[in-house]
Amino acid sequence: MGPSVRILQGACKASLAELPDELCQQAEGLMTLRMAVPAEQIARFPKLKVVVRMGVGYDRVDRAACAARGIKVCNVPDYGTQEVAEFAVLMALALRRGLTLYHDTQRGPNPAPWAVLRHPAVRRQEVQTFGILGLGRIGTAAALRAKALGYRVVFYDPGLPNGADRAIGVTRCRTMDEMLAQADVLSIHCPLTRNTRGLVGERELRLLPKNAVVINTARGPILDIDALERVLRDGHVAAAGLDVIPVEPPAEPIPALLRAYRDREEWLTGRLIICPHIAFHTPEAWDDIRLKGAETMRDVLVEGLDTNVVPPGSD
């Protein structure tokens, strides 16, 4: 018989501050999906040994505060991999083949003519280069799917060992600028860290070829959404697909690009998709979140393993 484990459930809608002190004082492990884990809340858990973020990103856990107390921080990196990769490529395809363009223009009382609409976003996949920023699990899955659809695939990821490109038959770029200059589609797949916050700004977006498409299914703050609005408005970038924005859910003042999208401003017709951080969603992915999150907590808290432990200095 292994050690017994008591599972304590606490209901909170907006913050861990809603949890009662008596529950926090007992917990040795904390599993959280949507709740941020800031330093002032960590202080309420005197016995805490492990925090499991039930998802891939761990940017909302104060890892420095955890490290100061020897608390291990884990994520669940192997759920939703296929879903997010598929969604990124799906948004690129929908924009590049005019699916959103015709969807937008055939609705309503005054539809566009029953005919071809010429648009700079619409191109054949095989003449394009698909650029991936961050070739981790999801980036690799996206690369394989884009490659299967005929794209030439390039990537930039300084953290990968030599040979990662050859393993899946894609092209590695030595610098991010080199990758951006080729990327007819830019798909962002890196984690949000202090080094990647604001990584793709106006300078980087203007390095993309004219009429590029930008896709972000990673984290909103990696991409400067105001810069994206400017390069979309002046026509340098043809279209964009965002599953993430800098502040979620959006709060006033909301970004100008989201405001224009909600107002259905004509200049964005067929050029923009914004979704509410749902690229991961399938019933199977939710099952994985629960199962793999529980398995990670068991491994680290009960069995003393280092399954999915995020090293304190990894960003």
C-alpha atoms as a PDB file:
ATOM      1  CA  MET A   1       0.000   0.000   0.000  1.00  0.00           C
ATOM      2  CA  GLY A   2       1.276   3.441  -0.944  1.00  0.00           C
ATOM      3  CA  PRO A   3       0.829   6.567   1.170  1.00  0.00           C
ATOM      4  CA  SER A   4      -2.729   7.821   1.525  1.00  0.00           C
ATOM      5  CA  VAL A   5      -3.634  11.090  -0.158  1.00  0.00           C
ATOM      6  CA  ARG A   6      -6.452  13.388   0.858  1.00  0.00           C
ATOM      7  CA  ILE A   7      -7.912  15.490  -1.928  1.00  0.00           C
ATOM      8  CA  LEU A   8      -9.201  18.910  -0.880  1.00  0.00           C
ATOM      9  CA  GLN A   9     -11.382  20.831  -3.294  1.00  0.00           C
ATOM     10  CA  GLY A  10     -11.788  24.568  -3.113  1.00  0.00           C
ATOM     11  CA  ALA A  11     -14.126  26.607  -5.263  1.00  0.00           C
ATOM     12  CA  CYS A  12     -12.854  29.926  -6.547  1.00  0.00           C
ATOM     13  CA  LYS A  13     -14.022  31.897  -9.552  1.00  0.00           C
ATOM     14  CA  ALA A  14     -11.511  34.709  -9.902  1.00  0.00           C
ATOM     15  CA  SER A  15      -8.623  34.278  -7.461  1.00  0.00           C
ATOM     16  CA  LEU A  16      -7.002  31.904  -4.998  1.00  0.00           C
ATOM     17  CA  ALA A  17      -7.792  34.585  -2.412  1.00  0.00           C
ATOM     18  CA  GLU A  18     -11.301  33.106  -2.324  1.00  0.00           C
ATOM     19  CA  LEU A  19      -9.992  29.882  -0.755  1.00  0.00           C
ATOM     20  CA  PRO A  20     -10.457  29.632   3.016  1.00  0.00           C
ATOM     21  CA  ASP A  21      -7.318  29.808   5.169  1.00  0.00           C
ATOM     22  CA  GLU A  22      -8.049  26.454   6.837  1.00  0.00           C
ATOM     23  CA  LEU A  23      -7.896  24.688   3.452  1.00  0.00           C
ATOM     24  CA  CYS A  24      -4.703  26.487   2.374  1.00  0.00           C
ATOM     25  CA  GLN A  25      -2.974  25.598   5.635  1.00  0.00           C
ATOM     26  CA  GLN A  26      -3.418  21.859   4.990  1.00  0.00           C
ATOM     27  CA  ALA A  27      -2.413  21.627   1.342  1.00  0.00           C
ATOM     28  CA  GLU A  28       0.950  20.164   0.326  1.00  0.00           C
ATOM     29  CA  GLY A  29       0.102  20.155  -3.362  1.00  0.00           C
ATOM     30  CA  LEU A  30      -1.828  22.728  -5.408  1.00  0.00           C
ATOM     31  CA  MET A  31      -3.364  21.959  -8.795  1.00  0.00           C
ATOM     32  CA  THR A  32      -4.637  24.958 -10.713  1.00  0.00           C
ATOM     33  CA  LEU A  33      -6.002  25.470 -14.201  1.00  0.00           C
ATOM     34  CA  ARG A  34      -7.067  29.102 -14.638  1.00  0.00           C
ATOM     35  CA  MET A  35      -6.060  30.690 -11.335  1.00  0.00           C
ATOM     36  CA  ALA A  36      -2.868  32.731 -11.100  1.00  0.00           C
ATOM     37  CA  VAL A  37      -0.496  31.736  -8.291  1.00  0.00           C
ATOM     38  CA  PRO A  38       1.118  34.972  -7.050  1.00  0.00           C
ATOM     39  CA  ALA A  39       3.550  35.312  -4.148  1.00  0.00           C
ATOM     40  CA  GLU A  40       0.949  36.625  -1.683  1.00  0.00           C
ATOM     41  CA  GLN A  41      -1.200  33.531  -2.232  1.00  0.00           C
ATOM     42  CA  ILE A  42       1.751  31.138  -2.029  1.00  0.00           C
ATOM     43  CA  ALA A  43       2.408  32.585   1.435  1.00  0.00           C
ATOM     44  CA  ARG A  44      -1.009  31.265   2.553  1.00  0.00           C
ATOM     45  CA  PHE A  45       0.133  27.639   1.942  1.00  0.00           C
ATOM     46  CA  PRO A  46       2.689  26.919   4.712  1.00  0.00           C
ATOM     47  CA  LYS A  47       3.010  23.199   3.823  1.00  0.00           C
ATOM     48  CA  LEU A  48       3.091  23.609   0.052  1.00  0.00           C
ATOM     49  CA  LYS A  49       5.614  21.415  -1.786  1.00  0.00           C
ATOM     50  CA  VAL A  50       4.308  21.249  -5.369  1.00  0.00           C
ATOM     51  CA  VAL A  51       2.286  23.471  -7.721  1.00  0.00           C
ATOM     52  CA  VAL A  52       0.921  21.776 -10.829  1.00  0.00           C
ATOM     53  CA  ARG A  53      -0.261  24.150 -13.513  1.00  0.00           C
ATOM     54  CA  MET A  54      -2.811  22.082 -15.435  1.00  0.00           C
ATOM     55  CA  GLY A  55      -1.703  23.273 -18.849  1.00  0.00           C
ATOM     56  CA  VAL A  56       1.392  24.013 -20.879  1.00  0.00           C
ATOM     57  CA  GLY A  57       2.061  27.636 -19.897  1.00  0.00           C
ATOM     58  CA  TYR A  58       3.292  28.464 -16.415  1.00  0.00           C
ATOM     59  CA  ASP A  59       3.681  32.235 -16.753  1.00  0.00           C
ATOM     60  CA  ARG A  60       0.986  32.951 -14.133  1.00  0.00           C
ATOM     61  CA  VAL A  61       2.808  31.048 -11.399  1.00  0.00           C
ATOM     62  CA  ASP A  62       5.306  33.133  -9.396  1.00  0.00           C
ATOM     63  CA  ARG A  63       8.168  30.726  -9.842  1.00  0.00           C
ATOM     64  CA  ALA A  64      10.643  32.922  -7.985  1.00  0.00           C
ATOM     65  CA  ALA A  65       8.442  32.854  -4.879  1.00  0.00           C
ATOM     66  CA  CYS A  66       8.090  29.085  -5.227  1.00  0.00           C
ATOM     67  CA  ALA A  67      11.833  28.595  -5.685  1.00  0.00           C
ATOM     68  CA  ALA A  68      12.556  30.690  -2.575  1.00  0.00           C
ATOM     69  CA  ARG A  69      10.638  28.124  -0.534  1.00  0.00           C
ATOM     70  CA  GLY A  70      11.766  25.044  -2.410  1.00  0.00           C
ATOM     71  CA  ILE A  71       8.317  24.495  -3.931  1.00  0.00           C
ATOM     72  CA  LYS A  72       8.442  22.578  -7.209  1.00  0.00           C
ATOM     73  CA  VAL A  73       6.470  23.975 -10.144  1.00  0.00           C
ATOM     74  CA  CYS A  74       5.187  21.567 -12.799  1.00  0.00           C
ATOM     75  CA  ASN A  75       3.177  21.907 -15.975  1.00  0.00           C
ATOM     76  CA  VAL A  76       1.311  19.462 -18.204  1.00  0.00           C
ATOM     77  CA  PRO A  77       3.171  19.784 -21.502  1.00  0.00           C
ATOM     78  CA  ASP A  78       1.656  16.810 -23.300  1.00  0.00           C
ATOM     79  CA  TYR A  79      -2.008  17.724 -23.540  1.00  0.00           C
ATOM     80  CA  GLY A  80      -3.627  19.627 -26.408  1.00  0.00           C
ATOM     81  CA  THR A  81      -0.549  19.272 -28.607  1.00  0.00           C
ATOM     82  CA  GLN A  82      -2.442  18.116 -31.674  1.00  0.00           C
ATOM     83  CA  GLU A  83      -5.339  20.493 -31.074  1.00  0.00           C
ATOM     84  CA  VAL A  84      -3.280  23.686 -30.854  1.00  0.00           C
ATOM     85  CA  ALA A  85      -1.072  22.696 -33.792  1.00  0.00           C
ATOM     86  CA  GLU A  86      -4.124  21.899 -35.901  1.00  0.00           C
ATOM     87  CA  PHE A  87      -5.766  25.168 -34.939  1.00  0.00           C
ATOM     88  CA  ALA A  88      -2.717  27.219 -35.908  1.00  0.00           C
ATOM     89  CA  VAL A  89      -2.497  25.582 -39.333  1.00  0.00           C
ATOM     90  CA  LEU A  90      -6.280  25.731 -39.705  1.00  0.00           C
ATOM     91  CA  MET A  91      -6.308  29.507 -39.177  1.00  0.00           C
ATOM     92  CA  ALA A  92      -3.490  29.931 -41.686  1.00  0.00           C
ATOM     93  CA  LEU A  93      -5.372  27.842 -44.255  1.00  0.00           C
ATOM     94  CA  ALA A  94      -8.677  29.601 -43.640  1.00  0.00           C
ATOM     95  CA  LEU A  95      -7.056  32.970 -44.264  1.00  0.00           C
ATOM     96  CA  ARG A  96      -4.784  31.879 -47.103  1.00  0.00           C
ATOM     97  CA  ARG A  97      -7.557  30.152 -49.065  1.00  0.00           C
ATOM     98  CA  GLY A  98     -10.164  32.870 -48.562  1.00  0.00           C
ATOM     99  CA  LEU A  99     -12.493  30.867 -46.332  1.00  0.00           C
ATOM    100  CA  THR A 100     -12.976  33.797 -43.964  1.00  0.00           C
ATOM    101  CA  LEU A 101     -13.135  36.257 -46.879  1.00  0.00           C
ATOM    102  CA  TYR A 102     -16.086  34.529 -48.526  1.00  0.00           C
ATOM    103  CA  HIS A 103     -17.722  33.705 -45.210  1.00  0.00           C
ATOM    104  CA  ASP A 104     -17.670  37.403 -44.312  1.00  0.00           C
ATOM    105  CA  THR A 105     -18.778  38.709 -47.711  1.00  0.00           C
ATOM    106  CA  GLN A 106     -21.562  36.235 -48.532  1.00  0.00           C
ATOM    107  CA  ARG A 107     -23.534  36.951 -45.359  1.00  0.00           C
ATOM    108  CA  GLY A 108     -26.094  39.652 -44.788  1.00  0.00           C
ATOM    109  CA  PRO A 109     -28.642  41.398 -46.994  1.00  0.00           C
ATOM    110  CA  ASN A 110     -26.047  42.732 -49.483  1.00  0.00           C
ATOM    111  CA  PRO A 111     -23.687  39.854 -50.267  1.00  0.00           C
ATOM    112  CA  ALA A 112     -20.702  40.267 -52.578  1.00  0.00           C
ATOM    113  CA  PRO A 113     -21.084  39.154 -56.206  1.00  0.00           C
ATOM    114  CA  TRP A 114     -21.193  35.399 -56.774  1.00  0.00           C
ATOM    115  CA  ALA A 115     -17.675  35.418 -58.083  1.00  0.00           C
ATOM    116  CA  VAL A 116     -13.986  35.376 -57.252  1.00  0.00           C
ATOM    117  CA  LEU A 117     -12.745  38.160 -54.983  1.00  0.00           C
ATOM    118  CA  ARG A 118      -9.107  39.036 -55.497  1.00  0.00           C
ATOM    119  CA  HIS A 119      -7.323  39.397 -52.168  1.00  0.00           C
ATOM    120  CA  PRO A 120      -3.622  39.482 -51.188  1.00  0.00           C
ATOM    121  CA  ALA A 121      -4.139  36.879 -48.437  1.00  0.00           C
ATOM    122  CA  VAL A 122      -5.184  34.170 -50.916  1.00  0.00           C
ATOM    123  CA  ARG A 123      -2.303  32.031 -52.188  1.00  0.00           C
ATOM    124  CA  ARG A 124      -1.390  28.445 -53.014  1.00  0.00           C
ATOM    125  CA  GLN A 125       0.261  26.686 -50.070  1.00  0.00           C
ATOM    126  CA  GLU A 126       3.100  25.152 -52.076  1.00  0.00           C
ATOM    127  CA  VAL A 127       4.563  28.540 -53.045  1.00  0.00           C
ATOM    128  CA  GLN A 128       4.790  29.686 -49.435  1.00  0.00           C
ATOM    129  CA  THR A 129       7.176  29.281 -46.523  1.00  0.00           C
ATOM    130  CA  PHE A 130       5.686  28.502 -43.117  1.00  0.00           C
ATOM    131  CA  GLY A 131       7.832  29.992 -40.354  1.00  0.00           C
ATOM    132  CA  ILE A 132       7.619  28.622 -36.829  1.00  0.00           C
ATOM    133  CA  LEU A 133       8.869  30.520 -33.795  1.00  0.00           C
ATOM    134  CA  GLY A 134       9.556  27.827 -31.200  1.00  0.00           C
ATOM    135  CA  LEU A 135       9.845  24.184 -32.268  1.00  0.00           C
ATOM    136  CA  GLY A 136       8.692  22.483 -29.087  1.00  0.00           C
ATOM    137  CA  ARG A 137       5.971  19.854 -28.954  1.00  0.00           C
ATOM    138  CA  ILE A 138       3.247  22.030 -30.459  1.00  0.00           C
ATOM    139  CA  GLY A 139       5.607  23.744 -32.896  1.00  0.00           C
ATOM    140  CA  THR A 140       6.811  20.358 -34.127  1.00  0.00           C
ATOM    141  CA  ALA A 141       3.240  19.115 -34.567  1.00  0.00           C
ATOM    142  CA  ALA A 142       2.412  22.293 -36.503  1.00  0.00           C
ATOM    143  CA  ALA A 143       5.521  21.877 -38.652  1.00  0.00           C
ATOM    144  CA  LEU A 144       4.540  18.338 -39.626  1.00  0.00           C
ATOM    145  CA  ARG A 145       0.999  19.415 -40.513  1.00  0.00           C
ATOM    146  CA  ALA A 146       2.127  22.436 -42.525  1.00  0.00           C
ATOM    147  CA  LYS A 147       4.688  20.291 -44.337  1.00  0.00           C
ATOM    148  CA  ALA A 148       2.000  17.742 -45.222  1.00  0.00           C
ATOM    149  CA  LEU A 149      -0.058  20.529 -46.807  1.00  0.00           C
ATOM    150  CA  GLY A 150       2.799  21.509 -49.079  1.00  0.00           C
ATOM    151  CA  TYR A 151       4.408  24.413 -47.263  1.00  0.00           C
ATOM    152  CA  ARG A 152       8.164  24.777 -47.083  1.00  0.00           C
ATOM    153  CA  VAL A 153       8.759  24.879 -43.316  1.00  0.00           C
ATOM    154  CA  VAL A 154      11.461  26.859 -41.520  1.00  0.00           C
ATOM    155  CA  PHE A 155      11.871  27.536 -37.809  1.00  0.00           C
ATOM    156  CA  TYR A 156      13.853  29.439 -35.224  1.00  0.00           C
ATOM    157  CA  ASP A 157      14.464  27.983 -31.778  1.00  0.00           C
ATOM    158  CA  PRO A 158      17.817  28.662 -30.095  1.00  0.00           C
ATOM    159  CA  GLY A 159      17.108  26.114 -27.354  1.00  0.00           C
ATOM    160  CA  LEU A 160      17.062  23.021 -29.562  1.00  0.00           C
ATOM    161  CA  PRO A 161      20.104  20.806 -30.148  1.00  0.00           C
ATOM    162  CA  ASN A 162      21.532  20.368 -33.628  1.00  0.00           C
ATOM    163  CA  GLY A 163      19.661  17.799 -35.653  1.00  0.00           C
ATOM    164  CA  ALA A 164      16.129  18.697 -34.530  1.00  0.00           C
ATOM    165  CA  ASP A 165      15.543  20.052 -38.040  1.00  0.00           C
ATOM    166  CA  ARG A 166      16.753  16.892 -39.743  1.00  0.00           C
ATOM    167  CA  ALA A 167      14.630  14.654 -37.561  1.00  0.00           C
ATOM    168  CA  ILE A 168      11.430  15.998 -39.119  1.00  0.00           C
ATOM    169  CA  GLY A 169      12.749  17.318 -42.427  1.00  0.00           C
ATOM    170  CA  VAL A 170      12.417  21.087 -41.970  1.00  0.00           C
ATOM    171  CA  THR A 171      14.896  23.964 -42.266  1.00  0.00           C
ATOM    172  CA  ARG A 172      16.546  25.615 -39.277  1.00  0.00           C
ATOM    173  CA  CYS A 173      17.322  29.339 -39.260  1.00  0.00           C
ATOM    174  CA  ARG A 174      20.307  30.665 -37.311  1.00  0.00           C
ATOM    175  CA  THR A 175      18.544  33.889 -36.306  1.00  0.00           C
ATOM    176  CA  MET A 176      14.964  34.993 -35.812  1.00  0.00           C
ATOM    177  CA  ASP A 177      15.433  37.734 -38.413  1.00  0.00           C
ATOM    178  CA  GLU A 178      16.523  35.132 -40.979  1.00  0.00           C
ATOM    179  CA  MET A 179      13.373  33.125 -40.291  1.00  0.00           C
ATOM    180  CA  LEU A 180      11.066  36.170 -40.368  1.00  0.00           C
ATOM    181  CA  ALA A 181      12.399  37.346 -43.730  1.00  0.00           C
ATOM    182  CA  GLN A 182      11.179  34.074 -45.310  1.00  0.00           C
ATOM    183  CA  ALA A 183       7.930  33.521 -43.440  1.00  0.00           C
ATOM    184  CA  ASP A 184       4.885  33.969 -45.663  1.00  0.00           C
ATOM    185  CA  VAL A 185       3.090  32.525 -42.623  1.00  0.00           C
ATOM    186  CA  LEU A 186       4.487  33.227 -39.159  1.00  0.00           C
ATOM    187  CA  SER A 187       3.163  30.895 -36.457  1.00  0.00           C
ATOM    188  CA  ILE A 188       4.168  31.610 -32.853  1.00  0.00           C
ATOM    189  CA  HIS A 189       4.716  28.580 -30.608  1.00  0.00           C
ATOM    190  CA  CYS A 190       7.134  29.667 -27.871  1.00  0.00           C
ATOM    191  CA  PRO A 191       6.285  29.952 -24.162  1.00  0.00           C
ATOM    192  CA  LEU A 192       5.810  33.318 -22.483  1.00  0.00           C
ATOM    193  CA  THR A 193       8.924  34.100 -20.442  1.00  0.00           C
ATOM    194  CA  ARG A 194      10.784  37.264 -19.549  1.00  0.00           C
ATOM    195  CA  ASN A 195      12.809  36.723 -22.726  1.00  0.00           C
ATOM    196  CA  THR A 196       9.848  36.247 -25.076  1.00  0.00           C
ATOM    197  CA  ARG A 197       7.515  38.968 -23.764  1.00  0.00           C
ATOM    198  CA  GLY A 198       7.189  41.485 -26.614  1.00  0.00           C
ATOM    199  CA  LEU A 199       9.453  39.347 -28.801  1.00  0.00           C
ATOM    200  CA  VAL A 200       7.465  40.068 -31.981  1.00  0.00           C
ATOM    201  CA  GLY A 201       7.023  43.814 -32.360  1.00  0.00           C
ATOM    202  CA  GLU A 202       6.648  46.175 -35.288  1.00  0.00           C
ATOM    203  CA  ARG A 203      10.283  45.807 -36.399  1.00  0.00           C
ATOM    204  CA  GLU A 204       9.905  42.037 -36.538  1.00  0.00           C
ATOM    205  CA  LEU A 205       6.539  42.175 -38.310  1.00  0.00           C
ATOM    206  CA  ARG A 206       7.973  44.454 -40.986  1.00  0.00           C
ATOM    207  CA  LEU A 207      10.735  41.920 -41.657  1.00  0.00           C
ATOM    208  CA  LEU A 208       8.063  39.505 -42.906  1.00  0.00           C
ATOM    209  CA  PRO A 209       7.490  39.339 -46.665  1.00  0.00           C
ATOM    210  CA  LYS A 210       4.778  41.645 -47.991  1.00  0.00           C
ATOM    211  CA  ASN A 211       1.292  40.141 -47.509  1.00  0.00           C
ATOM    212  CA  ALA A 212       2.368  37.666 -44.846  1.00  0.00           C
ATOM    213  CA  VAL A 213      -0.076  36.001 -42.456  1.00  0.00           C
ATOM    214  CA  VAL A 214       0.559  36.053 -38.682  1.00  0.00           C
ATOM    215  CA  ILE A 215      -0.788  33.342 -36.362  1.00  0.00           C
ATOM    216  CA  ASN A 216      -0.545  33.342 -32.557  1.00  0.00           C
ATOM    217  CA  THR A 217      -1.848  30.390 -30.544  1.00  0.00           C
ATOM    218  CA  ALA A 218       0.823  30.679 -27.822  1.00  0.00           C
ATOM    219  CA  ARG A 219       0.502  33.654 -25.434  1.00  0.00           C
ATOM    220  CA  GLY A 220      -0.792  37.133 -26.176  1.00  0.00           C
ATOM    221  CA  PRO A 221       2.070  39.217 -24.714  1.00  0.00           C
ATOM    222  CA  ILE A 222       4.629  37.601 -27.050  1.00  0.00           C
ATOM    223  CA  LEU A 223       3.122  39.589 -29.946  1.00  0.00           C
ATOM    224  CA  ASP A 224       2.622  43.367 -29.883  1.00  0.00           C
ATOM    225  CA  ILE A 225      -1.064  43.551 -30.845  1.00  0.00           C
ATOM    226  CA  ASP A 226      -0.937  47.313 -31.472  1.00  0.00           C
ATOM    227  CA  ALA A 227       1.965  46.835 -33.873  1.00  0.00           C
ATOM    228  CA  LEU A 228      -0.017  44.080 -35.582  1.00  0.00           C
ATOM    229  CA  GLU A 229      -2.934  46.489 -36.006  1.00  0.00           C
ATOM    230  CA  ARG A 230      -0.623  49.013 -37.694  1.00  0.00           C
ATOM    231  CA  VAL A 231       0.919  46.552 -40.143  1.00  0.00           C
ATOM    232  CA  LEU A 232      -2.500  45.130 -40.992  1.00  0.00           C
ATOM    233  CA  ARG A 233      -3.945  48.596 -41.509  1.00  0.00           C
ATOM    234  CA  ASP A 234      -1.170  49.740 -43.843  1.00  0.00           C
ATOM    235  CA  GLY A 235      -1.292  46.445 -45.768  1.00  0.00           C
ATOM    236  CA  HIS A 236       2.152  45.031 -45.030  1.00  0.00           C
ATOM    237  CA  VAL A 237       0.550  42.014 -43.312  1.00  0.00           C
ATOM    238  CA  ALA A 238      -2.362  40.552 -45.267  1.00  0.00           C
ATOM    239  CA  ALA A 239      -4.145  38.720 -42.461  1.00  0.00           C
ATOM    240  CA  ALA A 240      -3.851  37.391 -38.925  1.00  0.00           C
ATOM    241  CA  GLY A 241      -5.297  34.706 -36.684  1.00  0.00           C
ATOM    242  CA  LEU A 242      -5.170  35.152 -32.913  1.00  0.00           C
ATOM    243  CA  ASP A 243      -6.300  32.671 -30.298  1.00  0.00           C
ATOM    244  CA  VAL A 244      -4.631  34.764 -27.606  1.00  0.00           C
ATOM    245  CA  ILE A 245      -4.419  38.475 -26.770  1.00  0.00           C
ATOM    246  CA  PRO A 246      -2.332  40.328 -24.153  1.00  0.00           C
ATOM    247  CA  VAL A 247      -5.065  40.586 -21.487  1.00  0.00           C
ATOM    248  CA  GLU A 248      -7.592  37.752 -21.170  1.00  0.00           C
ATOM    249  CA  PRO A 249     -10.474  38.121 -20.927  1.00  0.00           C
ATOM    250  CA  PRO A 250     -10.198  41.511 -22.626  1.00  0.00           C
ATOM    251  CA  ALA A 251     -10.630  44.519 -20.355  1.00  0.00           C
ATOM    252  CA  GLU A 252     -11.074  48.194 -21.109  1.00  0.00           C
ATOM    253  CA  PRO A 253      -9.352  49.809 -22.813  1.00  0.00           C
ATOM    254  CA  ILE A 254      -9.414  46.868 -25.208  1.00  0.00           C
ATOM    255  CA  PRO A 255      -6.822  46.786 -28.011  1.00  0.00           C
ATOM    256  CA  ALA A 256      -7.681  48.828 -31.093  1.00  0.00           C
ATOM    257  CA  LEU A 257      -7.485  45.711 -33.268  1.00  0.00           C
ATOM    258  CA  LEU A 258     -10.034  43.840 -31.163  1.00  0.00           C
ATOM    259  CA  ARG A 259     -12.309  46.906 -31.168  1.00  0.00           C
ATOM    260  CA  ALA A 260     -12.152  47.126 -34.964  1.00  0.00           C
ATOM    261  CA  TYR A 261     -12.836  43.377 -35.232  1.00  0.00           C
ATOM    262  CA  ARG A 262     -15.864  43.569 -32.962  1.00  0.00           C
ATOM    263  CA  ASP A 263     -17.173  46.572 -34.863  1.00  0.00           C
ATOM    264  CA  ARG A 264     -16.759  44.647 -38.141  1.00  0.00           C
ATOM    265  CA  GLU A 265     -14.801  47.477 -39.696  1.00  0.00           C
ATOM    266  CA  GLU A 266     -14.710  46.954 -43.432  1.00  0.00           C
ATOM    267  CA  TRP A 267     -10.922  47.074 -43.783  1.00  0.00           C
ATOM    268  CA  LEU A 268     -10.668  43.825 -41.796  1.00  0.00           C
ATOM    269  CA  THR A 269     -13.102  41.846 -43.967  1.00  0.00           C
ATOM    270  CA  GLY A 270     -11.684  38.360 -44.457  1.00  0.00           C
ATOM    271  CA  ARG A 271      -8.390  39.372 -42.847  1.00  0.00           C
ATOM    272  CA  LEU A 272      -8.702  38.588 -39.158  1.00  0.00           C
ATOM    273  CA  ILE A 273      -9.787  35.731 -36.897  1.00  0.00           C
ATOM    274  CA  ILE A 274      -9.873  36.217 -33.124  1.00  0.00           C
ATOM    275  CA  CYS A 275     -10.828  33.332 -30.828  1.00  0.00           C
ATOM    276  CA  PRO A 276     -11.097  33.283 -26.999  1.00  0.00           C
ATOM    277  CA  HIS A 277      -8.078  31.075 -26.180  1.00  0.00           C
ATOM    278  CA  ILE A 278      -9.829  27.862 -27.207  1.00  0.00           C
ATOM    279  CA  ALA A 279      -7.357  26.253 -29.620  1.00  0.00           C
ATOM    280  CA  PHE A 280      -6.706  23.470 -27.098  1.00  0.00           C
ATOM    281  CA  HIS A 281     -10.367  22.543 -26.702  1.00  0.00           C
ATOM    282  CA  THR A 282     -11.649  19.065 -27.442  1.00  0.00           C
ATOM    283  CA  PRO A 283     -13.297  16.657 -24.986  1.00  0.00           C
ATOM    284  CA  GLU A 284     -10.204  14.467 -25.303  1.00  0.00           C
ATOM    285  CA  ALA A 285      -7.926  17.359 -24.348  1.00  0.00           C
ATOM    286  CA  TRP A 286      -9.957  18.042 -21.198  1.00  0.00           C
ATOM    287  CA  ASP A 287      -9.604  14.379 -20.245  1.00  0.00           C
ATOM    288  CA  ASP A 288      -5.845  14.685 -20.735  1.00  0.00           C
ATOM    289  CA  ILE A 289      -5.653  17.819 -18.575  1.00  0.00           C
ATOM    290  CA  ARG A 290      -7.313  16.049 -15.645  1.00  0.00           C
ATOM    291  CA  LEU A 291      -5.536  12.721 -15.969  1.00  0.00           C
ATOM    292  CA  LYS A 292      -2.058  14.016 -16.754  1.00  0.00           C
ATOM    293  CA  GLY A 293      -2.343  16.745 -14.109  1.00  0.00           C
ATOM    294  CA  ALA A 294      -3.210  14.156 -11.457  1.00  0.00           C
ATOM    295  CA  GLU A 295      -0.441  11.824 -12.654  1.00  0.00           C
ATOM    296  CA  THR A 296       2.086  14.662 -12.427  1.00  0.00           C
ATOM    297  CA  MET A 297       1.036  15.524  -8.877  1.00  0.00           C
ATOM    298  CA  ARG A 298       1.250  11.839  -7.879  1.00  0.00           C
ATOM    299  CA  ASP A 299       4.708  11.466  -9.400  1.00  0.00           C
ATOM    300  CA  VAL A 300       6.200  14.556  -7.773  1.00  0.00           C
ATOM    301  CA  LEU A 301       4.393  14.836  -4.443  1.00  0.00           C
ATOM    302  CA  VAL A 302       3.906  11.175  -3.567  1.00  0.00           C
ATOM    303  CA  GLU A 303       6.682   9.339  -5.426  1.00  0.00           C
ATOM    304  CA  GLY A 304       9.385  12.020  -5.334  1.00  0.00           C
ATOM    305  CA  LEU A 305       9.972  12.069  -9.078  1.00  0.00           C
ATOM    306  CA  ASP A 306      10.689  15.140 -11.197  1.00  0.00           C
ATOM    307  CA  THR A 307       7.974  14.569 -13.792  1.00  0.00           C
ATOM    308  CA  ASN A 308       7.250  17.804 -15.695  1.00  0.00           C
ATOM    309  CA  VAL A 309       9.144  19.912 -13.136  1.00  0.00           C
ATOM    310  CA  VAL A 310       9.990  23.292 -14.648  1.00  0.00           C
ATOM    311  CA  PRO A 311      13.580  24.287 -13.696  1.00  0.00           C
ATOM    312  CA  PRO A 312      13.572  27.602 -11.770  1.00  0.00           C
ATOM    313  CA  GLY A 313      15.951  29.310 -14.177  1.00  0.00           C
ATOM    314  CA  SER A 314      14.478  27.966 -17.415  1.00  0.00           C
ATOM    315  CA  ASP A 315      13.271  31.315 -18.741  1.00  0.00           C
END
